[in-house]
Amino acid sequence: MKSRVVGVIPSRWGSTRYPGKSLALIGGRPLLAWVVERARQARRLDEILVATDDERIAAAARSFGVVAAMTSPDHPSGTDRIAEAVRDIAADVVINIQGDEPLIDPGLIDRVADALVVPEGWEMATAASPLRSAEELHNPDVVKVVRALDGRALYFSRSAIPCVRGAAAGFAPVSGSHFRHVGLYGYRRAFLERLVREPPCEMENLEKLEQLRALALGGRMIVLECDSVGIGVDSPADVPKAEALLRAAGRLK
């Protein structure tokens, strides 16, 4: 039987750095509209939901023709929000599509889904792209990941990993060794439900990275390599950057 894949876009109003950013205008359209458009281009998604805690965002989602799932405002993470959103939805695989990335690659969404729909597949899937600058490598806001030879996630960190012993401070990334995590997640439903039942682990609390909970539980997570990270709209200053990238991609005049 074919696995049913549901894409969920978590979108809360109370962003710390940019409240209401889901409805911020990017090239005259709400940010959320750009994300929904890209998600619809993915071949593997059988349904798309917007998971939100705010009726303004829900109304916008409905105007785009997307189902809005109202969720609790008290969730500590996007993972908890999507788990509530799909609670009564038929889904074998759930894809967490970040609601602040107007350039998310539909092909990458499909690749994440493909990694999870096979019978002997992984429990989770995510992505990473090569790091190309020392500035990114040593920026704690850029999450790094180390993988096993089969692509399995070994660890995520805000620190520069792997460390290059003997290198000068601020060393440059080593090709094939240093990767930036791209925040697109796929879960087998059973593992998603297990994940949100567990409290945050010590590593998660230290690094402030929820994906470390999955590793602490022994979750088998594949990290797929991709070329581009797109852009996350985290503050008003990111709006013109996103618009410039959309113009360069031919999606905005």
Protein backbone atom coordinates (compact mmCIF):
# COMPACT_ATOMS: atom_id res chain seq x y z
CA MET A 1 0.00 0.00 0.00
CA LYS A 2 1.24 3.48 -0.88
CA SER A 3 2.35 5.56 2.10
CA ARG A 4 0.33 8.70 2.67
CA VAL A 5 2.57 11.76 3.01
CA VAL A 6 1.32 14.94 4.66
CA GLY A 7 3.21 18.21 4.60
CA VAL A 8 2.71 20.51 7.58
CA ILE A 9 3.80 24.15 7.68
CA PRO A 10 4.05 25.28 11.32
CA SER A 11 3.27 28.98 11.50
CA ARG A 12 2.83 30.76 14.82
CA TRP A 13 2.19 34.44 15.30
CA GLY A 14 4.49 35.09 18.25
CA SER A 15 7.93 34.82 16.67
CA THR A 16 10.46 36.30 19.10
CA ARG A 17 12.39 38.23 16.47
CA TYR A 18 9.58 38.92 13.99
CA PRO A 19 6.01 38.66 15.33
CA GLY A 20 3.47 37.96 12.59
CA LYS A 21 6.15 37.26 10.02
CA SER A 22 4.01 34.62 8.28
CA LEU A 23 1.88 37.45 6.93
CA ALA A 24 4.80 39.82 6.19
CA LEU A 25 4.71 40.91 2.56
CA ILE A 26 7.43 39.55 0.30
CA GLY A 27 7.11 41.07 -3.14
CA GLY A 28 3.53 42.03 -2.32
CA ARG A 29 2.48 38.54 -1.16
CA PRO A 30 2.42 37.10 2.37
CA LEU A 31 5.47 35.02 3.24
CA LEU A 32 3.21 32.05 3.94
CA ALA A 33 1.81 32.21 0.39
CA TRP A 34 5.29 31.72 -1.07
CA VAL A 35 5.91 28.68 1.16
CA VAL A 36 2.53 27.13 0.29
CA GLU A 37 3.21 27.64 -3.42
CA ARG A 38 6.52 25.79 -3.18
CA ALA A 39 5.03 22.97 -1.10
CA ARG A 40 2.32 22.47 -3.74
CA GLN A 41 5.03 21.86 -6.33
CA ALA A 42 6.27 18.80 -4.42
CA ARG A 43 5.05 15.57 -6.06
CA ARG A 44 5.09 13.43 -2.92
CA LEU A 45 2.67 15.39 -0.73
CA ASP A 46 -0.86 14.00 -0.57
CA GLU A 47 -2.08 16.86 1.64
CA ILE A 48 -0.77 20.18 2.95
CA LEU A 49 -1.75 21.72 6.29
CA VAL A 50 -0.83 24.99 7.95
CA ALA A 51 -0.51 24.47 11.72
CA THR A 52 -1.05 27.72 13.57
CA ASP A 53 -2.13 29.24 16.88
CA ASP A 54 -3.57 32.40 15.35
CA GLU A 55 -6.82 32.98 13.48
CA ARG A 56 -5.25 35.66 11.25
CA ILE A 57 -2.77 33.12 9.89
CA ALA A 58 -5.49 30.47 9.64
CA ALA A 59 -7.68 32.83 7.61
CA ALA A 60 -4.79 33.59 5.27
CA ALA A 61 -4.08 29.88 4.80
CA ARG A 62 -7.72 29.23 3.92
CA SER A 63 -7.62 32.07 1.40
CA PHE A 64 -4.76 30.22 -0.32
CA GLY A 65 -6.92 27.09 -0.43
CA VAL A 66 -5.03 25.25 2.32
CA VAL A 67 -6.47 23.56 5.40
CA ALA A 68 -5.58 25.38 8.62
CA ALA A 69 -5.17 23.28 11.76
CA MET A 70 -5.58 25.32 14.94
CA THR A 71 -3.07 24.25 17.58
CA SER A 72 -2.15 25.19 21.12
CA PRO A 73 -0.16 28.43 21.60
CA ASP A 74 1.95 26.71 24.27
CA HIS A 75 3.96 24.27 22.14
CA PRO A 76 7.71 24.46 22.83
CA SER A 77 8.67 23.56 19.25
CA GLY A 78 7.42 23.22 15.70
CA THR A 79 7.62 19.44 16.08
CA ASP A 80 5.06 19.50 18.89
CA ARG A 81 2.83 21.77 16.81
CA ILE A 82 2.82 19.48 13.76
CA ALA A 83 2.20 16.41 15.94
CA GLU A 84 -1.00 18.05 17.22
CA ALA A 85 -1.96 19.15 13.70
CA VAL A 86 -1.89 15.59 12.33
CA ARG A 87 -3.41 13.94 15.39
CA ASP A 88 -6.66 13.18 13.58
CA ILE A 89 -5.22 13.08 10.05
CA ALA A 90 -4.36 9.91 8.14
CA ALA A 91 -0.61 10.09 7.59
CA ASP A 92 2.20 7.52 7.40
CA VAL A 93 4.91 10.14 6.83
CA VAL A 94 4.85 13.74 8.03
CA ILE A 95 7.04 16.46 6.50
CA ASN A 96 7.78 19.55 8.58
CA ILE A 97 8.13 22.44 6.09
CA GLN A 98 9.50 25.60 7.69
CA GLY A 99 7.01 28.44 7.35
CA ASP A 100 9.65 31.14 6.91
CA GLU A 101 11.49 29.78 3.85
CA PRO A 102 9.99 31.16 0.61
CA LEU A 103 12.62 29.41 -1.51
CA ILE A 104 12.23 25.88 -0.12
CA ASP A 105 13.06 23.37 -2.87
CA PRO A 106 10.05 21.17 -3.78
CA GLY A 107 12.47 18.53 -5.06
CA LEU A 108 14.12 18.37 -1.63
CA ILE A 109 10.72 17.87 0.00
CA ASP A 110 10.23 14.91 -2.34
CA ARG A 111 13.67 13.48 -1.54
CA VAL A 112 12.95 13.67 2.20
CA ALA A 113 9.64 11.89 1.66
CA ASP A 114 11.26 9.23 -0.55
CA ALA A 115 13.71 8.36 2.23
CA LEU A 116 10.82 7.52 4.55
CA VAL A 117 8.22 5.77 2.41
CA VAL A 118 10.20 2.61 1.69
CA PRO A 119 9.46 -0.31 4.04
CA GLU A 120 12.97 -0.49 5.48
CA GLY A 121 13.48 3.27 5.46
CA TRP A 122 14.70 5.67 8.09
CA GLU A 123 12.71 7.01 11.04
CA MET A 124 13.57 10.62 10.23
CA ALA A 125 15.09 12.52 7.33
CA THR A 126 16.55 16.00 7.01
CA ALA A 127 19.08 17.80 4.81
CA ALA A 128 22.40 19.64 4.82
CA SER A 129 24.45 21.68 2.39
CA PRO A 130 28.23 22.20 2.21
CA LEU A 131 29.58 25.08 4.25
CA ARG A 132 31.54 27.49 2.10
CA SER A 133 32.79 30.19 4.46
CA ALA A 134 34.60 30.41 7.77
CA GLU A 135 32.05 33.01 8.88
CA GLU A 136 29.21 30.49 8.57
CA LEU A 137 31.24 27.67 10.12
CA HIS A 138 31.91 29.66 13.28
CA ASN A 139 28.50 31.34 13.52
CA PRO A 140 26.48 29.72 16.34
CA ASP A 141 23.24 30.62 14.55
CA VAL A 142 24.29 28.30 11.70
CA VAL A 143 23.73 24.71 12.83
CA LYS A 144 26.34 22.17 11.76
CA VAL A 145 25.91 18.43 11.31
CA VAL A 146 28.28 15.45 11.13
CA ARG A 147 27.18 12.34 9.22
CA ALA A 148 28.19 8.67 9.06
CA LEU A 149 29.25 7.14 5.75
CA ASP A 150 25.69 6.02 5.04
CA GLY A 151 24.35 9.54 5.63
CA ARG A 152 23.09 8.88 9.15
CA ALA A 153 23.17 11.89 11.48
CA LEU A 154 25.82 11.54 14.17
CA TYR A 155 25.51 14.95 15.83
CA PHE A 156 24.22 18.50 15.35
CA SER A 157 25.91 21.48 16.98
CA ARG A 158 26.16 25.24 16.97
CA SER A 159 29.91 24.78 17.27
CA ALA A 160 32.27 24.18 14.36
CA ILE A 161 32.19 20.40 13.94
CA PRO A 162 34.20 18.43 13.10
CA CYS A 163 37.03 20.28 14.81
CA VAL A 164 40.24 20.53 12.76
CA ARG A 165 42.99 19.81 15.22
CA GLY A 166 45.96 22.14 14.89
CA ALA A 167 44.11 24.60 12.67
CA ALA A 168 44.22 28.31 13.42
CA ALA A 169 41.26 29.97 15.10
CA GLY A 170 38.53 30.75 12.60
CA PHE A 171 39.65 27.98 10.24
CA ALA A 172 37.86 27.57 6.90
CA PRO A 173 35.48 24.69 6.12
CA VAL A 174 37.00 21.50 4.73
CA SER A 175 35.27 20.35 1.55
CA GLY A 176 33.30 17.15 2.13
CA SER A 177 33.54 17.44 5.91
CA HIS A 178 31.70 20.57 7.03
CA PHE A 179 27.95 20.82 6.44
CA ARG A 180 25.22 23.27 7.37
CA HIS A 181 21.93 21.80 8.55
CA VAL A 182 18.89 22.71 6.45
CA GLY A 183 15.78 22.77 8.64
CA LEU A 184 13.45 20.51 6.66
CA TYR A 185 12.34 17.40 8.59
CA GLY A 186 10.48 14.24 7.70
CA TYR A 187 9.17 11.75 10.26
CA ARG A 188 7.59 8.36 10.20
CA ARG A 189 4.41 8.92 12.15
CA ALA A 190 5.20 6.44 14.91
CA PHE A 191 8.55 8.08 15.58
CA LEU A 192 7.04 11.57 15.57
CA GLU A 193 4.54 10.47 18.20
CA ARG A 194 7.31 8.93 20.29
CA LEU A 195 9.44 12.06 19.94
CA VAL A 196 6.85 14.45 21.33
CA ARG A 197 6.07 12.14 24.26
CA GLU A 198 9.65 12.44 25.51
CA PRO A 199 10.98 15.42 27.49
CA PRO A 200 13.92 17.43 26.14
CA CYS A 201 17.25 15.69 26.66
CA GLU A 202 20.36 17.25 28.19
CA MET A 203 22.07 17.81 24.81
CA GLU A 204 18.94 19.49 23.49
CA ASN A 205 18.82 21.81 26.48
CA LEU A 206 22.49 22.72 26.12
CA GLU A 207 22.53 23.32 22.36
CA LYS A 208 18.89 24.45 22.05
CA LEU A 209 18.45 22.05 19.12
CA GLU A 210 15.35 19.85 19.26
CA GLN A 211 16.70 17.35 16.69
CA LEU A 212 19.18 16.15 19.32
CA ARG A 213 16.27 14.57 21.19
CA ALA A 214 15.76 12.21 18.24
CA LEU A 215 19.43 11.16 18.33
CA ALA A 216 19.35 10.70 22.11
CA LEU A 217 16.41 8.31 21.63
CA GLY A 218 18.43 6.28 19.12
CA GLY A 219 16.44 7.53 16.15
CA ARG A 220 17.77 6.60 12.71
CA MET A 221 17.93 9.91 10.86
CA ILE A 222 19.35 10.30 7.35
CA VAL A 223 20.86 13.64 6.31
CA LEU A 224 20.46 14.23 2.58
CA GLU A 225 22.98 16.50 0.88
CA CYS A 226 21.64 19.43 -1.11
CA ASP A 227 23.17 22.41 -2.87
CA SER A 228 21.29 25.40 -1.50
CA VAL A 229 19.90 26.48 1.85
CA GLY A 230 17.58 29.16 0.42
CA ILE A 231 16.83 31.85 2.99
CA GLY A 232 14.97 31.94 6.28
CA VAL A 233 13.06 35.16 6.96
CA ASP A 234 13.84 35.75 10.62
CA SER A 235 13.66 39.55 10.80
CA PRO A 236 12.43 42.50 8.73
CA ALA A 237 15.99 42.90 7.43
CA ASP A 238 15.63 39.54 5.65
CA VAL A 239 12.69 40.71 3.51
CA PRO A 240 14.74 42.58 0.86
CA LYS A 241 17.23 39.69 0.79
CA ALA A 242 14.42 37.23 0.10
CA GLU A 243 13.00 39.50 -2.60
CA ALA A 244 16.40 39.75 -4.28
CA LEU A 245 16.74 35.95 -4.33
CA LEU A 246 13.21 35.54 -5.69
CA ARG A 247 14.02 38.00 -8.48
CA ALA A 248 17.24 36.15 -9.26
CA ALA A 249 15.23 32.92 -9.48
CA GLY A 250 12.78 34.55 -11.91
CA ARG A 251 9.85 34.28 -9.50
CA LEU A 252 9.50 38.00 -8.79
CA LYS A 253 9.69 40.92 -11.21
